[in-house]
Amino acid sequence: HSVALALALPCTRVFAMAAPDLKRRKFSEEDVQSGKSFPKNKIKVLLLEGVSAKGIQILKDDGFQVEALKTALTEDELVEKVKDLHILGIRSKTQVTRRVIEASNRLLAMACFCIGTDQVDLKAAQERGIPVFNAPFANTRSVAELIIGNIVGLSRRIGECTAQMHRGAWFKQAVGCFEIRGKTLGIVGYGHIGAQVSVLAEAMGMNVIYCDVIPKLPMGNASQVATLSELMASADFVSLHVPNLASTKNMIGKAEIAQMKKGSFLLNASRGNVVVIPALAEALRSGHLRGAYVDVFPVEPGKNGEDLFTSELRGCPNTLMTPHVGGSTEEAQAKIGEEVASALLKCINEGSTHGAVNFPEVDMKMDSTAKTHRVLCIHDNKPGVMSSINNVFTEAKANICQQFLNTKGDVGYVIIDLNTEASAEVKKK
């Protein structure tokens, strides 16, 4: 359970220790033995897929080397790029596999500038002692507004009207068009986005019911129902807001769609593998469903361009589709950039892992007296490790001013502030 000094981080004086089994990252002996913090201008950051200018600027202003690309990279390209990289930032298209993570030797942190993190092998990152951050709240409003807009669009058949008029046709009619006031919206997954949709829908005069795997506090006059079947049978509109889990894969298939009211609508802006697309297409073409809105798909093109998208939903009646743009507003992307970049700065500058999705969350206020140095220690979550760590400080006659430990799975993480006089001796040990 001995620990080995790994690096000095760019802060007032922060250095890290990592248990050898973690094989977290490699640093030169000069880096380790230097009495100075690791220079910020040597911290290499790669941001992919057009991360917002605000997020890029925050990292540049703090002194990091930032390379920003507009596109995603393939696995082979990432394997080459990730070598000697300290921070990797992506959005939803880039896949960070175990192979990519194991090719890195200096990664301190990774960030998903979006809500989802299923594009990253979180277990592999945790094993390497790499916290992964995301932005769970920043695009909530953008997705919620898009859902409400498409509920109105479906109920008034806006998509078909628009297509007809672009062809030069003029068909004015009220048949099959409805107000949404008084209709029932069923929300599957009452998290941040689902709850926001609930509030907006109720403001539009809709009745809201929802189901979730755990009891959730309702917003306004919404009410939770016991089962998905009950919700499907009661709602005029069903909107899906669930995470990407084994339990949510293909959760809306032929049987579930058959439980929906005839003439109802289905909306999905959550994950592409939640809905069985052929079953949805069949229900639309048969008239069982009056319409659908889909923003996410099981297979999505990796780049923009013509003639790239194929789906059974193409040509289905009253079917609105968008290319995974739920959170793609300028406001949301700016907030995501600011939120994630700020989390990365706190991680690098203070050792904070608050908000990390795969890592013990530790956030300890920095000492303002300039009389302490900070030690960050990532270790195996096993009995006796903390005793071994504390023995290092005891042998160095160090005074521990404050300490914060947390664990998650097989990994433990502790931040320790000690008196400056003892830090050199601690580093030797």
Foldseek 3Di string as FASTA:
>chain_A
DAWAWAAWFPALTETEIERVQLLQAHDDPCRLQDRHHDDQQLAEEEAEQCFDPLLQVLSVVVNHHYDYYNAEDALVVLLVVQESHAEYEYEPQHAAELSSSVSYHHHAEYEYLAQDDPSYPLVSCVSSVYFYFYDNALLLVLLLVVVVVVVQCLLQLVVVCVVQVVVVHDDDDCPSHDQQAAFEEEEEDCDSNNQSNVVVSVVSRYAYEYEYPDDDDHDDRYYYDDDLLVRQQRGLEYEYADADDPCQFQCAELVSNVSHAFAGEYEYLHEARNHDQVSVLVCQQVRSYSEYEYEYHPDADSDDDPPPDDGSNVPGRSYHYHPNCSRPDPSSSSSSSVVRSVCVCCCRHPVASPRGPNWWGDDDDDDPPSFKHKYKYKYFPDPPPVVSLVVLCVVLVWDWPDKDWTGDPGMIMMMTITGPVSVSSSSVD
